[in-house]
PDB file of all heavy atoms in Angstrom:
ATOM      1  N   CYS A   1       3.173  -5.139   2.096  1.00  0.00           N
ATOM      2  CA  CYS A   1       4.342  -4.892   1.249  1.00  0.00           C
ATOM      3  C   CYS A   1       5.235  -6.123   1.292  1.00  0.00           C
ATOM      4  O   CYS A   1       5.596  -6.598   2.363  1.00  0.00           O
ATOM      5  CB  CYS A   1       5.075  -3.661   1.805  1.00  0.00           C
ATOM      6  SG  CYS A   1       6.726  -3.386   1.160  1.00  0.00           S
ATOM      7  N   TRP A   2       5.551  -6.655   0.120  1.00  0.00           N
ATOM      8  CA  TRP A   2       6.522  -7.745   0.016  1.00  0.00           C
ATOM      9  C   TRP A   2       7.798  -7.182  -0.601  1.00  0.00           C
ATOM     10  O   TRP A   2       7.769  -6.642  -1.717  1.00  0.00           O
ATOM     11  CB  TRP A   2       5.983  -8.878  -0.857  1.00  0.00           C
ATOM     12  CG  TRP A   2       4.881  -9.688  -0.223  1.00  0.00           C
ATOM     13  CD1 TRP A   2       4.349  -9.540   1.020  1.00  0.00           C
ATOM     14  CD2 TRP A   2       4.194 -10.799  -0.820  1.00  0.00           C
ATOM     15  NE1 TRP A   2       3.374 -10.475   1.237  1.00  0.00           N
ATOM     16  CE2 TRP A   2       3.253 -11.263   0.133  1.00  0.00           C
ATOM     17  CE3 TRP A   2       4.273 -11.433  -2.059  1.00  0.00           C
ATOM     18  CZ2 TRP A   2       2.402 -12.339  -0.126  1.00  0.00           C
ATOM     19  CZ3 TRP A   2       3.428 -12.509  -2.315  1.00  0.00           C
ATOM     20  CH2 TRP A   2       2.508 -12.964  -1.364  1.00  0.00           C
ATOM     21  N   MET A   3       8.919  -7.283   0.132  1.00  0.00           N
ATOM     22  CA  MET A   3      10.195  -6.706  -0.317  1.00  0.00           C
ATOM     23  C   MET A   3      11.235  -7.799  -0.547  1.00  0.00           C
ATOM     24  O   MET A   3      11.430  -8.657   0.313  1.00  0.00           O
ATOM     25  CB  MET A   3      10.728  -5.720   0.723  1.00  0.00           C
ATOM     26  CG  MET A   3       9.909  -4.460   0.858  1.00  0.00           C
ATOM     27  SD  MET A   3      10.600  -3.285   2.060  1.00  0.00           S
ATOM     28  CE  MET A   3      10.093  -4.028   3.612  1.00  0.00           C
ATOM     29  N   THR A   4      11.898  -7.728  -1.684  1.00  0.00           N
ATOM     30  CA  THR A   4      12.888  -8.729  -2.077  1.00  0.00           C
ATOM     31  C   THR A   4      14.170  -8.035  -2.520  1.00  0.00           C
ATOM     32  O   THR A   4      14.109  -7.049  -3.267  1.00  0.00           O
ATOM     33  CB  THR A   4      12.348  -9.580  -3.249  1.00  0.00           C
ATOM     34  OG1 THR A   4      11.120 -10.182  -2.859  1.00  0.00           O
ATOM     35  CG2 THR A   4      13.328 -10.660  -3.646  1.00  0.00           C
ATOM     36  N   PRO A   5      15.354  -8.519  -2.090  1.00  0.00           N
ATOM     37  CA  PRO A   5      16.602  -7.907  -2.565  1.00  0.00           C
ATOM     38  C   PRO A   5      16.750  -8.079  -4.075  1.00  0.00           C
ATOM     39  O   PRO A   5      16.553  -9.174  -4.599  1.00  0.00           O
ATOM     40  CB  PRO A   5      17.694  -8.694  -1.819  1.00  0.00           C
ATOM     41  CG  PRO A   5      17.000  -9.368  -0.677  1.00  0.00           C
ATOM     42  CD  PRO A   5      15.594  -9.611  -1.137  1.00  0.00           C
ATOM     43  N   GLY A   6      17.081  -6.978  -4.749  1.00  0.00           N
ATOM     44  CA  GLY A   6      17.310  -7.022  -6.182  1.00  0.00           C
ATOM     45  C   GLY A   6      18.778  -7.219  -6.509  1.00  0.00           C
ATOM     46  O   GLY A   6      19.641  -7.186  -5.625  1.00  0.00           O
ATOM     47  N   ALA A   7      19.071  -7.411  -7.797  1.00  0.00           N
ATOM     48  CA  ALA A   7      20.465  -7.594  -8.224  1.00  0.00           C
ATOM     49  C   ALA A   7      21.309  -6.368  -7.911  1.00  0.00           C
ATOM     50  O   ALA A   7      22.536  -6.471  -7.767  1.00  0.00           O
ATOM     51  CB  ALA A   7      20.492  -7.900  -9.724  1.00  0.00           C
ATOM     52  N   ASP A   8      20.642  -5.200  -7.774  1.00  0.00           N
ATOM     53  CA  ASP A   8      21.370  -3.952  -7.496  1.00  0.00           C
ATOM     54  C   ASP A   8      21.577  -3.728  -5.997  1.00  0.00           C
ATOM     55  O   ASP A   8      22.102  -2.688  -5.587  1.00  0.00           O
ATOM     56  CB  ASP A   8      20.625  -2.754  -8.103  1.00  0.00           C
ATOM     57  CG  ASP A   8      19.200  -2.612  -7.570  1.00  0.00           C
ATOM     58  OD1 ASP A   8      18.781  -3.432  -6.724  1.00  0.00           O
ATOM     59  OD2 ASP A   8      18.501  -1.671  -8.005  1.00  0.00           O
ATOM     60  N   GLY A   9      21.151  -4.686  -5.153  1.00  0.00           N
ATOM     61  CA  GLY A   9      21.338  -4.550  -3.711  1.00  0.00           C
ATOM     62  C   GLY A   9      20.237  -3.792  -3.009  1.00  0.00           C
ATOM     63  O   GLY A   9      20.220  -3.727  -1.778  1.00  0.00           O
ATOM     64  N   ARG A  10      19.315  -3.205  -3.790  1.00  0.00           N
ATOM     65  CA  ARG A  10      18.196  -2.491  -3.168  1.00  0.00           C
ATOM     66  C   ARG A  10      17.059  -3.462  -2.868  1.00  0.00           C
ATOM     67  O   ARG A  10      16.999  -4.555  -3.449  1.00  0.00           O
ATOM     68  CB  ARG A  10      17.688  -1.379  -4.098  1.00  0.00           C
ATOM     69  CG  ARG A  10      18.685  -0.259  -4.297  1.00  0.00           C
ATOM     70  CD  ARG A  10      18.074   0.913  -5.057  1.00  0.00           C
ATOM     71  NE  ARG A  10      17.804   0.609  -6.460  1.00  0.00           N
ATOM     72  CZ  ARG A  10      17.219   1.454  -7.312  1.00  0.00           C
ATOM     73  NH1 ARG A  10      16.818   2.644  -6.883  1.00  0.00           N
ATOM     74  NH2 ARG A  10      17.021   1.098  -8.572  1.00  0.00           N
ATOM     75  N   LEU A  11      16.155  -3.061  -1.974  1.00  0.00           N
ATOM     76  CA  LEU A  11      14.943  -3.837  -1.740  1.00  0.00           C
ATOM     77  C   LEU A  11      13.875  -3.369  -2.719  1.00  0.00           C
ATOM     78  O   LEU A  11      13.572  -2.181  -2.809  1.00  0.00           O
ATOM     79  CB  LEU A  11      14.441  -3.656  -0.303  1.00  0.00           C
ATOM     80  CG  LEU A  11      15.308  -4.248   0.808  1.00  0.00           C
ATOM     81  CD1 LEU A  11      14.627  -4.046   2.164  1.00  0.00           C
ATOM     82  CD2 LEU A  11      15.576  -5.733   0.583  1.00  0.00           C
ATOM     83  N   TRP A  12      13.306  -4.331  -3.464  1.00  0.00           N
ATOM     84  CA  TRP A  12      12.248  -4.040  -4.431  1.00  0.00           C
ATOM     85  C   TRP A  12      10.943  -4.579  -3.880  1.00  0.00           C
ATOM     86  O   TRP A  12      10.889  -5.706  -3.367  1.00  0.00           O
ATOM     87  CB  TRP A  12      12.576  -4.668  -5.782  1.00  0.00           C
ATOM     88  CG  TRP A  12      13.708  -3.949  -6.473  1.00  0.00           C
ATOM     89  CD1 TRP A  12      15.032  -4.005  -6.141  1.00  0.00           C
ATOM     90  CD2 TRP A  12      13.602  -3.045  -7.569  1.00  0.00           C
ATOM     91  NE1 TRP A  12      15.770  -3.192  -6.979  1.00  0.00           N
ATOM     92  CE2 TRP A  12      14.910  -2.587  -7.861  1.00  0.00           C
ATOM     93  CE3 TRP A  12      12.535  -2.585  -8.341  1.00  0.00           C
ATOM     94  CZ2 TRP A  12      15.170  -1.679  -8.882  1.00  0.00           C
ATOM     95  CZ3 TRP A  12      12.795  -1.681  -9.366  1.00  0.00           C
ATOM     96  CH2 TRP A  12      14.098  -1.244  -9.633  1.00  0.00           C
ATOM     97  N   ALA A  13       9.881  -3.800  -3.994  1.00  0.00           N
ATOM     98  CA  ALA A  13       8.637  -4.134  -3.309  1.00  0.00           C
ATOM     99  C   ALA A  13       7.457  -4.216  -4.258  1.00  0.00           C
ATOM    100  O   ALA A  13       7.356  -3.455  -5.229  1.00  0.00           O
ATOM    101  CB  ALA A  13       8.338  -3.088  -2.235  1.00  0.00           C
ATOM    102  N   ILE A  14       6.549  -5.145  -3.936  1.00  0.00           N
ATOM    103  CA  ILE A  14       5.240  -5.169  -4.581  1.00  0.00           C
ATOM    104  C   ILE A  14       4.166  -5.079  -3.502  1.00  0.00           C
ATOM    105  O   ILE A  14       4.395  -5.441  -2.341  1.00  0.00           O
ATOM    106  CB  ILE A  14       4.989  -6.453  -5.417  1.00  0.00           C
ATOM    107  CG1 ILE A  14       5.096  -7.724  -4.539  1.00  0.00           C
ATOM    108  CG2 ILE A  14       5.934  -6.523  -6.608  1.00  0.00           C
ATOM    109  CD1 ILE A  14       4.587  -8.991  -5.196  1.00  0.00           C
ATOM    110  N   ASN A  15       3.007  -4.583  -3.892  1.00  0.00           N
ATOM    111  CA  ASN A  15       1.803  -4.710  -3.086  1.00  0.00           C
ATOM    112  C   ASN A  15       1.124  -5.995  -3.554  1.00  0.00           C
ATOM    113  O   ASN A  15       0.665  -6.068  -4.694  1.00  0.00           O
ATOM    114  CB  ASN A  15       0.888  -3.504  -3.315  1.00  0.00           C
ATOM    115  CG  ASN A  15      -0.499  -3.698  -2.718  1.00  0.00           C
ATOM    116  OD1 ASN A  15      -0.709  -4.584  -1.887  1.00  0.00           O
ATOM    117  ND2 ASN A  15      -1.441  -2.873  -3.148  1.00  0.00           N
ATOM    118  N   PRO A  16       1.059  -7.034  -2.706  1.00  0.00           N
ATOM    119  CA  PRO A  16       0.479  -8.296  -3.175  1.00  0.00           C
ATOM    120  C   PRO A  16      -1.027  -8.222  -3.403  1.00  0.00           C
ATOM    121  O   PRO A  16      -1.600  -9.126  -4.017  1.00  0.00           O
ATOM    122  CB  PRO A  16       0.818  -9.276  -2.043  1.00  0.00           C
ATOM    123  CG  PRO A  16       1.015  -8.420  -0.837  1.00  0.00           C
ATOM    124  CD  PRO A  16       1.563  -7.126  -1.335  1.00  0.00           C
ATOM    125  N   GLU A  17      -1.665  -7.158  -2.932  1.00  0.00           N
ATOM    126  CA  GLU A  17      -3.111  -7.049  -3.070  1.00  0.00           C
ATOM    127  C   GLU A  17      -3.496  -6.244  -4.313  1.00  0.00           C
ATOM    128  O   GLU A  17      -2.737  -5.425  -4.801  1.00  0.00           O
ATOM    129  CB  GLU A  17      -3.714  -6.397  -1.828  1.00  0.00           C
ATOM    130  CG  GLU A  17      -3.445  -7.198  -0.562  1.00  0.00           C
ATOM    131  CD  GLU A  17      -4.196  -6.679   0.633  1.00  0.00           C
ATOM    132  OE1 GLU A  17      -3.923  -5.554   1.077  1.00  0.00           O
ATOM    133  OE2 GLU A  17      -5.058  -7.402   1.136  1.00  0.00           O
ATOM    134  N   ALA A  18      -4.720  -6.480  -4.776  1.00  0.00           N
ATOM    135  CA  ALA A  18      -5.232  -5.757  -5.939  1.00  0.00           C
ATOM    136  C   ALA A  18      -6.334  -4.765  -5.550  1.00  0.00           C
ATOM    137  O   ALA A  18      -6.821  -4.022  -6.394  1.00  0.00           O
ATOM    138  CB  ALA A  18      -5.785  -6.746  -6.968  1.00  0.00           C
ATOM    139  N   GLY A  19      -6.702  -4.769  -4.274  1.00  0.00           N
ATOM    140  CA  GLY A  19      -7.788  -3.901  -3.823  1.00  0.00           C
ATOM    141  C   GLY A  19      -7.557  -3.422  -2.414  1.00  0.00           C
ATOM    142  O   GLY A  19      -6.552  -3.753  -1.771  1.00  0.00           O
ATOM    143  N   TYR A  20      -8.509  -2.638  -1.915  1.00  0.00           N
ATOM    144  CA  TYR A  20      -8.478  -2.133  -0.550  1.00  0.00           C
ATOM    145  C   TYR A  20      -9.635  -2.751   0.228  1.00  0.00           C
ATOM    146  O   TYR A  20     -10.771  -2.785  -0.257  1.00  0.00           O
ATOM    147  CB  TYR A  20      -8.635  -0.608  -0.514  1.00  0.00           C
ATOM    148  CG  TYR A  20      -7.667   0.151  -1.377  1.00  0.00           C
ATOM    149  CD1 TYR A  20      -8.123   1.150  -2.254  1.00  0.00           C
ATOM    150  CD2 TYR A  20      -6.300  -0.103  -1.335  1.00  0.00           C
ATOM    151  CE1 TYR A  20      -7.238   1.859  -3.048  1.00  0.00           C
ATOM    152  CE2 TYR A  20      -5.410   0.596  -2.134  1.00  0.00           C
ATOM    153  CZ  TYR A  20      -5.883   1.584  -2.997  1.00  0.00           C
ATOM    154  OH  TYR A  20      -5.014   2.285  -3.781  1.00  0.00           O
ATOM    155  N   PHE A  21      -9.324  -3.229   1.427  1.00  0.00           N
ATOM    156  CA  PHE A  21     -10.355  -3.655   2.361  1.00  0.00           C
ATOM    157  C   PHE A  21     -10.225  -2.711   3.553  1.00  0.00           C
ATOM    158  O   PHE A  21      -9.568  -3.011   4.539  1.00  0.00           O
ATOM    159  CB  PHE A  21     -10.150  -5.124   2.752  1.00  0.00           C
ATOM    160  CG  PHE A  21     -11.223  -5.673   3.652  1.00  0.00           C
ATOM    161  CD1 PHE A  21     -12.512  -5.874   3.179  1.00  0.00           C
ATOM    162  CD2 PHE A  21     -10.945  -5.998   4.971  1.00  0.00           C
ATOM    163  CE1 PHE A  21     -13.505  -6.383   4.013  1.00  0.00           C
ATOM    164  CE2 PHE A  21     -11.931  -6.514   5.797  1.00  0.00           C
ATOM    165  CZ  PHE A  21     -13.208  -6.700   5.328  1.00  0.00           C
ATOM    166  N   GLY A  22     -10.793  -1.521   3.409  1.00  0.00           N
ATOM    167  CA  GLY A  22     -10.509  -0.430   4.332  1.00  0.00           C
ATOM    168  C   GLY A  22     -11.599  -0.208   5.360  1.00  0.00           C
ATOM    169  O   GLY A  22     -12.758  -0.558   5.159  1.00  0.00           O
ATOM    170  N   VAL A  23     -11.207   0.422   6.469  1.00  0.00           N
ATOM    171  CA  VAL A  23     -12.166   0.798   7.508  1.00  0.00           C
ATOM    172  C   VAL A  23     -12.927   2.033   7.041  1.00  0.00           C
ATOM    173  O   VAL A  23     -12.321   3.042   6.668  1.00  0.00           O
ATOM    174  CB  VAL A  23     -11.444   1.089   8.834  1.00  0.00           C
ATOM    175  CG1 VAL A  23     -12.420   1.578   9.898  1.00  0.00           C
ATOM    176  CG2 VAL A  23     -10.715  -0.157   9.326  1.00  0.00           C
ATOM    177  N   ALA A  24     -14.268   1.950   7.063  1.00  0.00           N
ATOM    178  CA  ALA A  24     -15.093   3.070   6.588  1.00  0.00           C
ATOM    179  C   ALA A  24     -15.172   4.232   7.585  1.00  0.00           C
ATOM    180  O   ALA A  24     -14.921   5.387   7.195  1.00  0.00           O
ATOM    181  CB  ALA A  24     -16.490   2.570   6.229  1.00  0.00           C
ATOM    182  N   PRO A  25     -15.519   4.003   8.882  1.00  0.00           N
ATOM    183  CA  PRO A  25     -15.657   5.147   9.799  1.00  0.00           C
ATOM    184  C   PRO A  25     -14.391   6.000   9.866  1.00  0.00           C
ATOM    185  O   PRO A  25     -13.271   5.477   9.914  1.00  0.00           O
ATOM    186  CB  PRO A  25     -15.941   4.468  11.144  1.00  0.00           C
ATOM    187  CG  PRO A  25     -16.615   3.201  10.784  1.00  0.00           C
ATOM    188  CD  PRO A  25     -15.918   2.738   9.540  1.00  0.00           C
ATOM    189  N   GLY A  26     -14.589   7.302   9.830  1.00  0.00           N
ATOM    190  CA  GLY A  26     -13.469   8.233   9.834  1.00  0.00           C
ATOM    191  C   GLY A  26     -12.989   8.610   8.448  1.00  0.00           C
ATOM    192  O   GLY A  26     -12.174   9.521   8.289  1.00  0.00           O
ATOM    193  N   THR A  27     -13.481   7.914   7.414  1.00  0.00           N
ATOM    194  CA  THR A  27     -13.099   8.239   6.036  1.00  0.00           C
ATOM    195  C   THR A  27     -14.055   9.306   5.511  1.00  0.00           C
ATOM    196  O   THR A  27     -15.250   9.052   5.358  1.00  0.00           O
ATOM    197  CB  THR A  27     -13.181   6.995   5.139  1.00  0.00           C
ATOM    198  OG1 THR A  27     -12.328   5.979   5.670  1.00  0.00           O
ATOM    199  CG2 THR A  27     -12.751   7.319   3.714  1.00  0.00           C
ATOM    200  N   GLY A  28     -13.527  10.506   5.287  1.00  0.00           N
ATOM    201  CA  GLY A  28     -14.377  11.600   4.826  1.00  0.00           C
ATOM    202  C   GLY A  28     -13.634  12.551   3.920  1.00  0.00           C
ATOM    203  O   GLY A  28     -12.449  12.361   3.619  1.00  0.00           O
ATOM    204  N   ALA A  29     -14.326  13.594   3.494  1.00  0.00           N
ATOM    205  CA  ALA A  29     -13.754  14.542   2.537  1.00  0.00           C
ATOM    206  C   ALA A  29     -12.562  15.295   3.122  1.00  0.00           C
ATOM    207  O   ALA A  29     -11.682  15.733   2.381  1.00  0.00           O
ATOM    208  CB  ALA A  29     -14.829  15.521   2.081  1.00  0.00           C
ATOM    209  N   THR A  30     -12.535  15.474   4.441  1.00  0.00           N
ATOM    210  CA  THR A  30     -11.402  16.187   5.044  1.00  0.00           C
ATOM    211  C   THR A  30     -10.267  15.245   5.405  1.00  0.00           C
ATOM    212  O   THR A  30      -9.097  15.578   5.236  1.00  0.00           O
ATOM    213  CB  THR A  30     -11.848  16.945   6.307  1.00  0.00           C
ATOM    214  OG1 THR A  30     -12.517  16.028   7.173  1.00  0.00           O
ATOM    215  CG2 THR A  30     -12.795  18.077   5.957  1.00  0.00           C
ATOM    216  N   THR A  31     -10.591  14.032   5.902  1.00  0.00           N
ATOM    217  CA  THR A  31      -9.533  13.122   6.351  1.00  0.00           C
ATOM    218  C   THR A  31      -8.865  12.378   5.204  1.00  0.00           C
ATOM    219  O   THR A  31      -7.649  12.200   5.196  1.00  0.00           O
ATOM    220  CB  THR A  31     -10.091  12.079   7.341  1.00  0.00           C
ATOM    221  OG1 THR A  31     -11.146  11.356   6.699  1.00  0.00           O
ATOM    222  CG2 THR A  31     -10.618  12.750   8.593  1.00  0.00           C
ATOM    223  N   ASN A  32      -9.654  11.916   4.229  1.00  0.00           N
ATOM    224  CA  ASN A  32      -9.079  11.120   3.146  1.00  0.00           C
ATOM    225  C   ASN A  32      -9.935  11.221   1.889  1.00  0.00           C
ATOM    226  O   ASN A  32     -10.655  10.288   1.525  1.00  0.00           O
ATOM    227  CB  ASN A  32      -8.953   9.655   3.575  1.00  0.00           C
ATOM    228  CG  ASN A  32      -7.994   8.873   2.683  1.00  0.00           C
ATOM    229  OD1 ASN A  32      -7.823   9.211   1.518  1.00  0.00           O
ATOM    230  ND2 ASN A  32      -7.381   7.840   3.235  1.00  0.00           N
ATOM    231  N   PRO A  33      -9.870  12.376   1.211  1.00  0.00           N
ATOM    232  CA  PRO A  33     -10.689  12.551   0.011  1.00  0.00           C
ATOM    233  C   PRO A  33     -10.378  11.545  -1.095  1.00  0.00           C
ATOM    234  O   PRO A  33     -11.265  11.179  -1.870  1.00  0.00           O
ATOM    235  CB  PRO A  33     -10.376  13.988  -0.430  1.00  0.00           C
ATOM    236  CG  PRO A  33      -9.129  14.380   0.288  1.00  0.00           C
ATOM    237  CD  PRO A  33      -9.084  13.573   1.538  1.00  0.00           C
ATOM    238  N   SER A  34      -9.135  11.086  -1.158  1.00  0.00           N
ATOM    239  CA  SER A  34      -8.786  10.093  -2.191  1.00  0.00           C
ATOM    240  C   SER A  34      -9.537   8.790  -1.970  1.00  0.00           C
ATOM    241  O   SER A  34     -10.044   8.178  -2.920  1.00  0.00           O
ATOM    242  CB  SER A  34      -7.277   9.826  -2.192  1.00  0.00           C
ATOM    243  OG  SER A  34      -6.571  10.953  -2.664  1.00  0.00           O
TER     244      SER A  34
END
């Protein structure tokens, strides 16, 4: 997460990545169906 102060005083954030480089083990239909 990259956060930058906006003109309104809030922190505005982008995800600098376009994909996921995720850990496979433990990823299943019950733990993380998405």
